[in-house]
Amino acid sequence: MLAAWNAKEDLLDLLALARTHADRTIIAERLFRVYDRCAASGLPELERLASTVQTWWLAILAFIQTGITNAGSEGTNRLIKTVARDAYGFRNPENQRLRTRCATTRRSRGFLDPA
């Protein structure tokens, strides 16, 4: 359990470099620490984590260097799927589309204004 927690913390340390304009050597050191921790643990879950990081490394590196993420669009897609699932069974498909549109534009209509 401790090995998994430490590997997670090492990965978070790597991702924390986003928007800091970190040097390539610092990024490489933190990436090596993640890989080393995963390999030294001998746990198949952490080996799979290291494999996933390696597979997605170009996208992870782009995030670290630019700080740009698609979290907003992913959140909107999740909301659309959830609302569409809730509206399943409406007899009129237009009502289902309207309900989805209303849910995804609430903030721009002022309903979620924190002030």
PDB file of N, CA and C in Angstrom:
ATOM      1  N   MET A   1       0.830  -1.184   0.000  1.00  0.00           N
ATOM      2  CA  MET A   1       0.000   0.000   0.000  1.00  0.00           C
ATOM      3  C   MET A   1       0.885   1.261   0.000  1.00  0.00           C
ATOM      4  N   LEU A   2       1.947   1.229   0.789  1.00  0.00           N
ATOM      5  CA  LEU A   2       2.844   2.372   0.865  1.00  0.00           C
ATOM      6  C   LEU A   2       3.535   2.621  -0.476  1.00  0.00           C
ATOM      7  N   ALA A   3       3.919   1.548  -1.167  1.00  0.00           N
ATOM      8  CA  ALA A   3       4.580   1.698  -2.466  1.00  0.00           C
ATOM      9  C   ALA A   3       3.647   2.373  -3.470  1.00  0.00           C
ATOM     10  N   ALA A   4       2.383   1.993  -3.460  1.00  0.00           N
ATOM     11  CA  ALA A   4       1.417   2.599  -4.380  1.00  0.00           C
ATOM     12  C   ALA A   4       1.209   4.074  -4.048  1.00  0.00           C
ATOM     13  N   TRP A   5       1.125   4.387  -2.773  1.00  0.00           N
ATOM     14  CA  TRP A   5       0.932   5.778  -2.374  1.00  0.00           C
ATOM     15  C   TRP A   5       2.137   6.618  -2.783  1.00  0.00           C
ATOM     16  N   ASN A   6       3.348   6.090  -2.563  1.00  0.00           N
ATOM     17  CA  ASN A   6       4.561   6.822  -2.939  1.00  0.00           C
ATOM     18  C   ASN A   6       4.642   7.029  -4.450  1.00  0.00           C
ATOM     19  N   ALA A   7       4.253   6.017  -5.221  1.00  0.00           N
ATOM     20  CA  ALA A   7       4.267   6.160  -6.681  1.00  0.00           C
ATOM     21  C   ALA A   7       3.272   7.228  -7.115  1.00  0.00           C
ATOM     22  N   LYS A   8       2.112   7.247  -6.473  1.00  0.00           N
ATOM     23  CA  LYS A   8       1.115   8.271  -6.783  1.00  0.00           C
ATOM     24  C   LYS A   8       1.645   9.663  -6.468  1.00  0.00           C
ATOM     25  N   GLU A   9       2.314   9.791  -5.335  1.00  0.00           N
ATOM     26  CA  GLU A   9       2.883  11.089  -4.961  1.00  0.00           C
ATOM     27  C   GLU A   9       3.975  11.517  -5.942  1.00  0.00           C
ATOM     28  N   ASP A  10       4.795  10.573  -6.399  1.00  0.00           N
ATOM     29  CA  ASP A  10       5.823  10.892  -7.396  1.00  0.00           C
ATOM     30  C   ASP A  10       5.189  11.355  -8.703  1.00  0.00           C
ATOM     31  N   LEU A  11       4.094  10.709  -9.101  1.00  0.00           N
ATOM     32  CA  LEU A  11       3.407  11.118 -10.317  1.00  0.00           C
ATOM     33  C   LEU A  11       2.799  12.509 -10.149  1.00  0.00           C
ATOM     34  N   LEU A  12       2.243  12.788  -8.986  1.00  0.00           N
ATOM     35  CA  LEU A  12       1.695  14.125  -8.733  1.00  0.00           C
ATOM     36  C   LEU A  12       2.800  15.185  -8.730  1.00  0.00           C
ATOM     37  N   ASP A  13       3.986  14.826  -8.201  1.00  0.00           N
ATOM     38  CA  ASP A  13       5.113  15.759  -8.253  1.00  0.00           C
ATOM     39  C   ASP A  13       5.497  16.067  -9.690  1.00  0.00           C
ATOM     40  N   LEU A  14       5.437  15.066 -10.552  1.00  0.00           N
ATOM     41  CA  LEU A  14       5.735  15.273 -11.969  1.00  0.00           C
ATOM     42  C   LEU A  14       4.689  16.193 -12.600  1.00  0.00           C
ATOM     43  N   LEU A  15       3.418  15.924 -12.340  1.00  0.00           N
ATOM     44  CA  LEU A  15       2.351  16.731 -12.937  1.00  0.00           C
ATOM     45  C   LEU A  15       2.303  18.145 -12.364  1.00  0.00           C
ATOM     46  N   ALA A  16       2.850  18.332 -11.166  1.00  0.00           N
ATOM     47  CA  ALA A  16       2.864  19.660 -10.556  1.00  0.00           C
ATOM     48  C   ALA A  16       3.790  20.616 -11.290  1.00  0.00           C
ATOM     49  N   LEU A  17       4.604  20.093 -12.173  1.00  0.00           N
ATOM     50  CA  LEU A  17       5.498  20.952 -12.952  1.00  0.00           C
ATOM     51  C   LEU A  17       4.761  21.715 -14.050  1.00  0.00           C
ATOM     52  N   ALA A  18       3.489  21.426 -14.252  1.00  0.00           N
ATOM     53  CA  ALA A  18       2.716  22.098 -15.295  1.00  0.00           C
ATOM     54  C   ALA A  18       2.689  23.597 -15.038  1.00  0.00           C
ATOM     55  N   ARG A  19       2.837  24.350 -16.100  1.00  0.00           N
ATOM     56  CA  ARG A  19       2.806  25.819 -16.077  1.00  0.00           C
ATOM     57  C   ARG A  19       3.949  26.439 -15.271  1.00  0.00           C
ATOM     58  N   THR A  20       4.999  25.678 -14.949  1.00  0.00           N
ATOM     59  CA  THR A  20       6.127  26.240 -14.197  1.00  0.00           C
ATOM     60  C   THR A  20       7.328  26.500 -15.091  1.00  0.00           C
ATOM     61  N   HIS A  21       7.231  26.135 -16.364  1.00  0.00           N
ATOM     62  CA  HIS A  21       8.345  26.275 -17.306  1.00  0.00           C
ATOM     63  C   HIS A  21       9.583  25.574 -16.765  1.00  0.00           C
ATOM     64  N   ALA A  22       9.382  24.358 -16.263  1.00  0.00           N
ATOM     65  CA  ALA A  22      10.475  23.584 -15.679  1.00  0.00           C
ATOM     66  C   ALA A  22      11.467  23.162 -16.751  1.00  0.00           C
ATOM     67  N   ASP A  23      12.706  23.038 -16.341  1.00  0.00           N
ATOM     68  CA  ASP A  23      13.767  22.592 -17.234  1.00  0.00           C
ATOM     69  C   ASP A  23      13.557  21.126 -17.595  1.00  0.00           C
ATOM     70  N   ARG A  24      14.045  20.720 -18.758  1.00  0.00           N
ATOM     71  CA  ARG A  24      13.882  19.342 -19.207  1.00  0.00           C
ATOM     72  C   ARG A  24      14.541  18.355 -18.256  1.00  0.00           C
ATOM     73  N   THR A  25      15.616  18.763 -17.620  1.00  0.00           N
ATOM     74  CA  THR A  25      16.297  17.844 -16.704  1.00  0.00           C
ATOM     75  C   THR A  25      15.449  17.563 -15.464  1.00  0.00           C
ATOM     76  N   ILE A  26      14.748  18.570 -14.987  1.00  0.00           N
ATOM     77  CA  ILE A  26      13.878  18.366 -13.822  1.00  0.00           C
ATOM     78  C   ILE A  26      12.729  17.439 -14.191  1.00  0.00           C
ATOM     79  N   ILE A  27      12.156  17.647 -15.378  1.00  0.00           N
ATOM     80  CA  ILE A  27      11.077  16.775 -15.841  1.00  0.00           C
ATOM     81  C   ILE A  27      11.586  15.343 -15.965  1.00  0.00           C
ATOM     82  N   ALA A  28      12.767  15.181 -16.547  1.00  0.00           N
ATOM     83  CA  ALA A  28      13.338  13.842 -16.718  1.00  0.00           C
ATOM     84  C   ALA A  28      13.624  13.175 -15.375  1.00  0.00           C
ATOM     85  N   GLU A  29      14.114  13.933 -14.405  1.00  0.00           N
ATOM     86  CA  GLU A  29      14.396  13.364 -13.081  1.00  0.00           C
ATOM     87  C   GLU A  29      13.120  12.873 -12.407  1.00  0.00           C
ATOM     88  N   ARG A  30      12.070  13.670 -12.499  1.00  0.00           N
ATOM     89  CA  ARG A  30      10.808  13.262 -11.854  1.00  0.00           C
ATOM     90  C   ARG A  30      10.164  12.085 -12.583  1.00  0.00           C
ATOM     91  N   LEU A  31      10.294  12.065 -13.895  1.00  0.00           N
ATOM     92  CA  LEU A  31       9.778  10.929 -14.654  1.00  0.00           C
ATOM     93  C   LEU A  31      10.545   9.659 -14.290  1.00  0.00           C
ATOM     94  N   PHE A  32      11.859   9.775 -14.171  1.00  0.00           N
ATOM     95  CA  PHE A  32      12.666   8.620 -13.777  1.00  0.00           C
ATOM     96  C   PHE A  32      12.258   8.132 -12.385  1.00  0.00           C
ATOM     97  N   ARG A  33      11.975   9.051 -11.487  1.00  0.00           N
ATOM     98  CA  ARG A  33      11.571   8.667 -10.136  1.00  0.00           C
ATOM     99  C   ARG A  33      10.269   7.865 -10.161  1.00  0.00           C
ATOM    100  N   VAL A  34       9.324   8.271 -11.024  1.00  0.00           N
ATOM    101  CA  VAL A  34       8.068   7.527 -11.151  1.00  0.00           C
ATOM    102  C   VAL A  34       8.345   6.124 -11.672  1.00  0.00           C
ATOM    103  N   TYR A  35       9.112   6.037 -12.770  1.00  0.00           N
ATOM    104  CA  TYR A  35       9.428   4.733 -13.350  1.00  0.00           C
ATOM    105  C   TYR A  35      10.194   3.856 -12.366  1.00  0.00           C
ATOM    106  N   ASP A  36      11.161   4.437 -11.670  1.00  0.00           N
ATOM    107  CA  ASP A  36      11.978   3.671 -10.731  1.00  0.00           C
ATOM    108  C   ASP A  36      11.133   3.135  -9.581  1.00  0.00           C
ATOM    109  N   ARG A  37      10.263   3.967  -9.050  1.00  0.00           N
ATOM    110  CA  ARG A  37       9.404   3.541  -7.938  1.00  0.00           C
ATOM    111  C   ARG A  37       8.477   2.409  -8.392  1.00  0.00           C
ATOM    112  N   CYS A  38       7.917   2.541  -9.581  1.00  0.00           N
ATOM    113  CA  CYS A  38       7.014   1.503 -10.087  1.00  0.00           C
ATOM    114  C   CYS A  38       7.759   0.192 -10.333  1.00  0.00           C
ATOM    115  N   ALA A  39       8.956   0.269 -10.899  1.00  0.00           N
ATOM    116  CA  ALA A  39       9.726  -0.944 -11.188  1.00  0.00           C
ATOM    117  C   ALA A  39      10.207  -1.617  -9.909  1.00  0.00           C
ATOM    118  N   ALA A  40      10.628  -0.825  -8.928  1.00  0.00           N
ATOM    119  CA  ALA A  40      11.171  -1.385  -7.688  1.00  0.00           C
ATOM    120  C   ALA A  40      10.098  -2.047  -6.830  1.00  0.00           C
ATOM    121  N   SER A  41       8.839  -1.649  -7.015  1.00  0.00           N
ATOM    122  CA  SER A  41       7.781  -2.199  -6.169  1.00  0.00           C
ATOM    123  C   SER A  41       7.482  -3.660  -6.490  1.00  0.00           C
ATOM    124  N   GLY A  42       7.591  -4.027  -7.754  1.00  0.00           N
ATOM    125  CA  GLY A  42       7.256  -5.383  -8.159  1.00  0.00           C
ATOM    126  C   GLY A  42       5.755  -5.644  -8.218  1.00  0.00           C
ATOM    127  N   LEU A  43       4.959  -4.611  -8.046  1.00  0.00           N
ATOM    128  CA  LEU A  43       3.503  -4.757  -8.087  1.00  0.00           C
ATOM    129  C   LEU A  43       3.003  -4.626  -9.532  1.00  0.00           C
ATOM    130  N   PRO A  44       2.153  -5.545  -9.969  1.00  0.00           N
ATOM    131  CA  PRO A  44       1.665  -5.458 -11.354  1.00  0.00           C
ATOM    132  C   PRO A  44       0.858  -4.184 -11.617  1.00  0.00           C
ATOM    133  N   GLU A  45       0.168  -3.682 -10.603  1.00  0.00           N
ATOM    134  CA  GLU A  45      -0.612  -2.453 -10.789  1.00  0.00           C
ATOM    135  C   GLU A  45       0.292  -1.262 -11.071  1.00  0.00           C
ATOM    136  N   LEU A  46       1.427  -1.207 -10.381  1.00  0.00           N
ATOM    137  CA  LEU A  46       2.347  -0.087 -10.610  1.00  0.00           C
ATOM    138  C   LEU A  46       3.111  -0.255 -11.915  1.00  0.00           C
ATOM    139  N   GLU A  47       3.350  -1.494 -12.305  1.00  0.00           N
ATOM    140  CA  GLU A  47       3.961  -1.707 -13.622  1.00  0.00           C
ATOM    141  C   GLU A  47       3.007  -1.267 -14.721  1.00  0.00           C
ATOM    142  N   ARG A  48       1.711  -1.503 -14.510  1.00  0.00           N
ATOM    143  CA  ARG A  48       0.704  -1.043 -15.466  1.00  0.00           C
ATOM    144  C   ARG A  48       0.626   0.484 -15.470  1.00  0.00           C
ATOM    145  N   LEU A  49       0.773   1.104 -14.301  1.00  0.00           N
ATOM    146  CA  LEU A  49       0.788   2.561 -14.227  1.00  0.00           C
ATOM    147  C   LEU A  49       1.958   3.120 -15.034  1.00  0.00           C
ATOM    148  N   ALA A  50       3.141   2.521 -14.857  1.00  0.00           N
ATOM    149  CA  ALA A  50       4.322   2.976 -15.604  1.00  0.00           C
ATOM    150  C   ALA A  50       4.108   2.797 -17.103  1.00  0.00           C
ATOM    151  N   SER A  51       3.478   1.706 -17.481  1.00  0.00           N
ATOM    152  CA  SER A  51       3.197   1.464 -18.896  1.00  0.00           C
ATOM    153  C   SER A  51       2.209   2.499 -19.438  1.00  0.00           C
ATOM    154  N   THR A  52       1.219   2.850 -18.646  1.00  0.00           N
ATOM    155  CA  THR A  52       0.245   3.862 -19.065  1.00  0.00           C
ATOM    156  C   THR A  52       0.910   5.230 -19.215  1.00  0.00           C
ATOM    157  N   VAL A  53       1.770   5.570 -18.264  1.00  0.00           N
ATOM    158  CA  VAL A  53       2.495   6.847 -18.358  1.00  0.00           C
ATOM    159  C   VAL A  53       3.350   6.860 -19.615  1.00  0.00           C
ATOM    160  N   GLN A  54       4.004   5.752 -19.909  1.00  0.00           N
ATOM    161  CA  GLN A  54       4.850   5.682 -21.106  1.00  0.00           C
ATOM    162  C   GLN A  54       4.003   5.819 -22.374  1.00  0.00           C
ATOM    163  N   THR A  55       2.850   5.167 -22.395  1.00  0.00           N
ATOM    164  CA  THR A  55       1.971   5.239 -23.570  1.00  0.00           C
ATOM    165  C   THR A  55       1.484   6.664 -23.815  1.00  0.00           C
ATOM    166  N   TRP A  56       1.148   7.376 -22.750  1.00  0.00           N
ATOM    167  CA  TRP A  56       0.594   8.718 -22.863  1.00  0.00           C
ATOM    168  C   TRP A  56       1.638   9.809 -22.648  1.00  0.00           C
ATOM    169  N   TRP A  57       2.924   9.475 -22.702  1.00  0.00           N
ATOM    170  CA  TRP A  57       3.952  10.439 -22.332  1.00  0.00           C
ATOM    171  C   TRP A  57       3.911  11.709 -23.177  1.00  0.00           C
ATOM    172  N   LEU A  58       3.695  11.591 -24.473  1.00  0.00           N
ATOM    173  CA  LEU A  58       3.688  12.808 -25.307  1.00  0.00           C
ATOM    174  C   LEU A  58       2.572  13.765 -24.878  1.00  0.00           C
ATOM    175  N   ALA A  59       1.399  13.230 -24.564  1.00  0.00           N
ATOM    176  CA  ALA A  59       0.292  14.086 -24.105  1.00  0.00           C
ATOM    177  C   ALA A  59       0.589  14.657 -22.718  1.00  0.00           C
ATOM    178  N   ILE A  60       1.183  13.850 -21.845  1.00  0.00           N
ATOM    179  CA  ILE A  60       1.533  14.331 -20.505  1.00  0.00           C
ATOM    180  C   ILE A  60       2.579  15.425 -20.602  1.00  0.00           C
ATOM    181  N   LEU A  61       3.577  15.230 -21.448  1.00  0.00           N
ATOM    182  CA  LEU A  61       4.625  16.240 -21.625  1.00  0.00           C
ATOM    183  C   LEU A  61       4.041  17.534 -22.186  1.00  0.00           C
ATOM    184  N   ALA A  62       3.115  17.421 -23.130  1.00  0.00           N
ATOM    185  CA  ALA A  62       2.463  18.620 -23.678  1.00  0.00           C
ATOM    186  C   ALA A  62       1.721  19.372 -22.578  1.00  0.00           C
ATOM    187  N   PHE A  63       1.049  18.640 -21.690  1.00  0.00           N
ATOM    188  CA  PHE A  63       0.362  19.290 -20.572  1.00  0.00           C
ATOM    189  C   PHE A  63       1.355  19.973 -19.646  1.00  0.00           C
ATOM    190  N   ILE A  64       2.455  19.303 -19.338  1.00  0.00           N
ATOM    191  CA  ILE A  64       3.446  19.888 -18.429  1.00  0.00           C
ATOM    192  C   ILE A  64       4.041  21.161 -19.032  1.00  0.00           C
ATOM    193  N   GLN A  65       4.324  21.130 -20.314  1.00  0.00           N
ATOM    194  CA  GLN A  65       4.971  22.280 -20.950  1.00  0.00           C
ATOM    195  C   GLN A  65       4.015  23.431 -21.214  1.00  0.00           C
ATOM    196  N   THR A  66       2.759  23.123 -21.545  1.00  0.00           N
ATOM    197  CA  THR A  66       1.828  24.190 -21.908  1.00  0.00           C
ATOM    198  C   THR A  66       0.788  24.487 -20.845  1.00  0.00           C
ATOM    199  N   GLY A  67       0.445  23.488 -20.036  1.00  0.00           N
ATOM    200  CA  GLY A  67      -0.606  23.663 -19.042  1.00  0.00           C
ATOM    201  C   GLY A  67      -2.000  23.578 -19.631  1.00  0.00           C
ATOM    202  N   ILE A  68      -2.087  23.238 -20.906  1.00  0.00           N
ATOM    203  CA  ILE A  68      -3.380  23.154 -21.575  1.00  0.00           C
ATOM    204  C   ILE A  68      -3.936  21.747 -21.400  1.00  0.00           C
ATOM    205  N   THR A  69      -5.205  21.670 -21.056  1.00  0.00           N
ATOM    206  CA  THR A  69      -5.868  20.393 -20.844  1.00  0.00           C
ATOM    207  C   THR A  69      -7.253  20.422 -21.453  1.00  0.00           C
ATOM    208  N   ASN A  70      -7.826  19.255 -21.685  1.00  0.00           N
ATOM    209  CA  ASN A  70      -9.170  19.186 -22.239  1.00  0.00           C
ATOM    210  C   ASN A  70     -10.194  18.865 -21.148  1.00  0.00           C
ATOM    211  N   ALA A  71      -9.890  19.209 -19.912  1.00  0.00           N
ATOM    212  CA  ALA A  71     -10.774  18.892 -18.793  1.00  0.00           C
ATOM    213  C   ALA A  71     -12.151  19.544 -18.947  1.00  0.00           C
ATOM    214  N   GLY A  72     -12.194  20.745 -19.468  1.00  0.00           N
ATOM    215  CA  GLY A  72     -13.480  21.430 -19.637  1.00  0.00           C
ATOM    216  C   GLY A  72     -14.394  20.702 -20.592  1.00  0.00           C
ATOM    217  N   SER A  73     -13.868  20.296 -21.741  1.00  0.00           N
ATOM    218  CA  SER A  73     -14.710  19.577 -22.706  1.00  0.00           C
ATOM    219  C   SER A  73     -15.086  18.197 -22.183  1.00  0.00           C
ATOM    220  N   GLU A  74     -14.167  17.530 -21.464  1.00  0.00           N
ATOM    221  CA  GLU A  74     -14.498  16.224 -20.884  1.00  0.00           C
ATOM    222  C   GLU A  74     -15.603  16.358 -19.839  1.00  0.00           C
ATOM    223  N   GLY A  75     -15.553  17.406 -19.038  1.00  0.00           N
ATOM    224  CA  GLY A  75     -16.595  17.637 -18.046  1.00  0.00           C
ATOM    225  C   GLY A  75     -17.941  17.905 -18.691  1.00  0.00           C
ATOM    226  N   THR A  76     -17.942  18.678 -19.765  1.00  0.00           N
ATOM    227  CA  THR A  76     -19.188  18.954 -20.481  1.00  0.00           C
ATOM    228  C   THR A  76     -19.750  17.676 -21.090  1.00  0.00           C
ATOM    229  N   ASN A  77     -18.876  16.850 -21.681  1.00  0.00           N
ATOM    230  CA  ASN A  77     -19.341  15.585 -22.252  1.00  0.00           C
ATOM    231  C   ASN A  77     -19.937  14.678 -21.180  1.00  0.00           C
ATOM    232  N   ARG A  78     -19.314  14.634 -19.993  1.00  0.00           N
ATOM    233  CA  ARG A  78     -19.849  13.822 -18.904  1.00  0.00           C
ATOM    234  C   ARG A  78     -21.218  14.325 -18.489  1.00  0.00           C
ATOM    235  N   LEU A  79     -21.366  15.640 -18.385  1.00  0.00           N
ATOM    236  CA  LEU A  79     -22.647  16.225 -18.009  1.00  0.00           C
ATOM    237  C   LEU A  79     -23.727  15.902 -19.040  1.00  0.00           C
ATOM    238  N   ILE A  80     -23.382  15.994 -20.309  1.00  0.00           N
ATOM    239  CA  ILE A  80     -24.345  15.687 -21.370  1.00  0.00           C
ATOM    240  C   ILE A  80     -24.800  14.236 -21.266  1.00  0.00           C
ATOM    241  N   LYS A  81     -23.853  13.323 -21.060  1.00  0.00           N
ATOM    242  CA  LYS A  81     -24.213  11.907 -20.958  1.00  0.00           C
ATOM    243  C   LYS A  81     -25.078  11.639 -19.734  1.00  0.00           C
ATOM    244  N   THR A  82     -24.765  12.298 -18.618  1.00  0.00           N
ATOM    245  CA  THR A  82     -25.549  12.099 -17.400  1.00  0.00           C
ATOM    246  C   THR A  82     -26.972  12.614 -17.576  1.00  0.00           C
ATOM    247  N   VAL A  83     -27.116  13.800 -18.127  1.00  0.00           N
ATOM    248  CA  VAL A  83     -28.453  14.381 -18.320  1.00  0.00           C
ATOM    249  C   VAL A  83     -29.231  13.563 -19.344  1.00  0.00           C
ATOM    250  N   ALA A  84     -28.563  13.129 -20.404  1.00  0.00           N
ATOM    251  CA  ALA A  84     -29.250  12.316 -21.414  1.00  0.00           C
ATOM    252  C   ALA A  84     -29.710  10.997 -20.802  1.00  0.00           C
ATOM    253  N   ARG A  85     -28.908  10.431 -19.914  1.00  0.00           N
ATOM    254  CA  ARG A  85     -29.299   9.191 -19.239  1.00  0.00           C
ATOM    255  C   ARG A  85     -30.511   9.442 -18.335  1.00  0.00           C
ATOM    256  N   ASP A  86     -30.507  10.587 -17.650  1.00  0.00           N
ATOM    257  CA  ASP A  86     -31.645  10.931 -16.787  1.00  0.00           C
ATOM    258  C   ASP A  86     -32.918  11.168 -17.604  1.00  0.00           C
ATOM    259  N   ALA A  87     -32.750  11.724 -18.798  1.00  0.00           N
ATOM    260  CA  ALA A  87     -33.908  12.054 -19.633  1.00  0.00           C
ATOM    261  C   ALA A  87     -34.320  10.897 -20.525  1.00  0.00           C
ATOM    262  N   TYR A  88     -33.659   9.755 -20.378  1.00  0.00           N
ATOM    263  CA  TYR A  88     -34.005   8.601 -21.194  1.00  0.00           C
ATOM    264  C   TYR A  88     -35.473   8.226 -20.964  1.00  0.00           C
ATOM    265  N   GLY A  89     -36.163   7.989 -22.024  1.00  0.00           N
ATOM    266  CA  GLY A  89     -37.565   7.624 -21.907  1.00  0.00           C
ATOM    267  C   GLY A  89     -38.508   8.758 -22.268  1.00  0.00           C
ATOM    268  N   PHE A  90     -37.959   9.974 -22.447  1.00  0.00           N
ATOM    269  CA  PHE A  90     -38.821  11.052 -22.913  1.00  0.00           C
ATOM    270  C   PHE A  90     -39.368  10.645 -24.285  1.00  0.00           C
ATOM    271  N   ARG A  91     -40.620  10.889 -24.498  1.00  0.00           N
ATOM    272  CA  ARG A  91     -41.214  10.488 -25.774  1.00  0.00           C
ATOM    273  C   ARG A  91     -40.789  11.408 -26.907  1.00  0.00           C
ATOM    274  N   ASN A  92     -40.489  12.626 -26.571  1.00  0.00           N
ATOM    275  CA  ASN A  92     -40.116  13.608 -27.586  1.00  0.00           C
ATOM    276  C   ASN A  92     -38.603  13.823 -27.521  1.00  0.00           C
ATOM    277  N   PRO A  93     -37.842  13.426 -28.544  1.00  0.00           N
ATOM    278  CA  PRO A  93     -36.392  13.616 -28.527  1.00  0.00           C
ATOM    279  C   PRO A  93     -35.985  15.081 -28.411  1.00  0.00           C
ATOM    280  N   GLU A  94     -36.841  15.970 -28.875  1.00  0.00           N
ATOM    281  CA  GLU A  94     -36.525  17.395 -28.773  1.00  0.00           C
ATOM    282  C   GLU A  94     -36.468  17.826 -27.306  1.00  0.00           C
ATOM    283  N   ASN A  95     -37.333  17.288 -26.468  1.00  0.00           N
ATOM    284  CA  ASN A  95     -37.287  17.600 -25.038  1.00  0.00           C
ATOM    285  C   ASN A  95     -35.987  17.114 -24.400  1.00  0.00           C
ATOM    286  N   GLN A  96     -35.514  15.952 -24.831  1.00  0.00           N
ATOM    287  CA  GLN A  96     -34.256  15.440 -24.310  1.00  0.00           C
ATOM    288  C   GLN A  96     -33.102  16.356 -24.708  1.00  0.00           C
ATOM    289  N   ARG A  97     -33.080  16.790 -25.968  1.00  0.00           N
ATOM    290  CA  ARG A  97     -32.029  17.711 -26.419  1.00  0.00           C
ATOM    291  C   ARG A  97     -32.113  19.043 -25.675  1.00  0.00           C
ATOM    292  N   LEU A  98     -33.323  19.542 -25.465  1.00  0.00           N
ATOM    293  CA  LEU A  98     -33.504  20.803 -24.746  1.00  0.00           C
ATOM    294  C   LEU A  98     -33.004  20.684 -23.306  1.00  0.00           C
ATOM    295  N   ARG A  99     -33.312  19.575 -22.661  1.00  0.00           N
ATOM    296  CA  ARG A  99     -32.855  19.368 -21.282  1.00  0.00           C
ATOM    297  C   ARG A  99     -31.325  19.331 -21.217  1.00  0.00           C
ATOM    298  N   THR A 100     -30.698  18.683 -22.193  1.00  0.00           N
ATOM    299  CA  THR A 100     -29.236  18.638 -22.236  1.00  0.00           C
ATOM    300  C   THR A 100     -28.660  20.029 -22.463  1.00  0.00           C
ATOM    301  N   ARG A 101     -29.248  20.777 -23.400  1.00  0.00           N
ATOM    302  CA  ARG A 101     -28.773  22.134 -23.670  1.00  0.00           C
ATOM    303  C   ARG A 101     -28.896  23.025 -22.448  1.00  0.00           C
ATOM    304  N   CYS A 102     -29.996  22.916 -21.746  1.00  0.00           N
ATOM    305  CA  CYS A 102     -30.201  23.733 -20.540  1.00  0.00           C
ATOM    306  C   CYS A 102     -29.174  23.397 -19.469  1.00  0.00           C
ATOM    307  N   ALA A 103     -28.867  22.135 -19.313  1.00  0.00           N
ATOM    308  CA  ALA A 103     -27.907  21.723 -18.277  1.00  0.00           C
ATOM    309  C   ALA A 103     -26.503  22.203 -18.595  1.00  0.00           C
ATOM    310  N   THR A 104     -26.132  22.248 -19.865  1.00  0.00           N
ATOM    311  CA  THR A 104     -24.753  22.615 -20.215  1.00  0.00           C
ATOM    312  C   THR A 104     -24.555  24.111 -20.366  1.00  0.00           C
ATOM    313  N   THR A 105     -25.630  24.889 -20.373  1.00  0.00           N
ATOM    314  CA  THR A 105     -25.468  26.340 -20.525  1.00  0.00           C
ATOM    315  C   THR A 105     -25.901  27.091 -19.283  1.00  0.00           C
ATOM    316  N   ARG A 106     -26.087  26.401 -18.170  1.00  0.00           N
ATOM    317  CA  ARG A 106     -26.530  27.062 -16.941  1.00  0.00           C
ATOM    318  C   ARG A 106     -25.609  28.187 -16.512  1.00  0.00           C
ATOM    319  N   ARG A 107     -24.313  27.938 -16.536  1.00  0.00           N
ATOM    320  CA  ARG A 107     -23.361  28.945 -16.069  1.00  0.00           C
ATOM    321  C   ARG A 107     -23.450  30.208 -16.906  1.00  0.00           C
ATOM    322  N   SER A 108     -23.570  30.073 -18.215  1.00  0.00           N
ATOM    323  CA  SER A 108     -23.634  31.258 -19.068  1.00  0.00           C
ATOM    324  C   SER A 108     -24.958  31.993 -18.923  1.00  0.00           C
ATOM    325  N   ARG A 109     -25.976  31.298 -18.395  1.00  0.00           N
ATOM    326  CA  ARG A 109     -27.262  31.966 -18.179  1.00  0.00           C
ATOM    327  C   ARG A 109     -27.352  32.589 -16.799  1.00  0.00           C
ATOM    328  N   GLY A 110     -26.300  32.443 -15.955  1.00  0.00           N
ATOM    329  CA  GLY A 110     -26.276  33.119 -14.684  1.00  0.00           C
ATOM    330  C   GLY A 110     -26.767  32.338 -13.496  1.00  0.00           C
ATOM    331  N   PHE A 111     -27.178  31.077 -13.660  1.00  0.00           N
ATOM    332  CA  PHE A 111     -27.714  30.307 -12.538  1.00  0.00           C
ATOM    333  C   PHE A 111     -26.628  29.831 -11.576  1.00  0.00           C
ATOM    334  N   LEU A 112     -25.401  29.711 -12.055  1.00  0.00           N
ATOM    335  CA  LEU A 112     -24.322  29.215 -11.209  1.00  0.00           C
ATOM    336  C   LEU A 112     -23.362  30.329 -10.817  1.00  0.00           C
ATOM    337  N   ASP A 113     -23.847  31.546 -10.819  1.00  0.00           N
ATOM    338  CA  ASP A 113     -23.006  32.679 -10.460  1.00  0.00           C
ATOM    339  C   ASP A 113     -22.700  32.620  -8.958  1.00  0.00           C
ATOM    340  N   PRO A 114     -21.404  32.462  -8.570  1.00  0.00           N
ATOM    341  CA  PRO A 114     -21.087  32.337  -7.156  1.00  0.00           C
ATOM    342  C   PRO A 114     -21.370  33.595  -6.360  1.00  0.00           C
ATOM    343  N   ALA A 115     -21.482  34.747  -7.017  1.00  0.00           N
ATOM    344  CA  ALA A 115     -21.760  35.987  -6.313  1.00  0.00           C
ATOM    345  C   ALA A 115     -23.214  36.013  -5.968  1.00  0.00           C
TER     346      ALA A 115
END
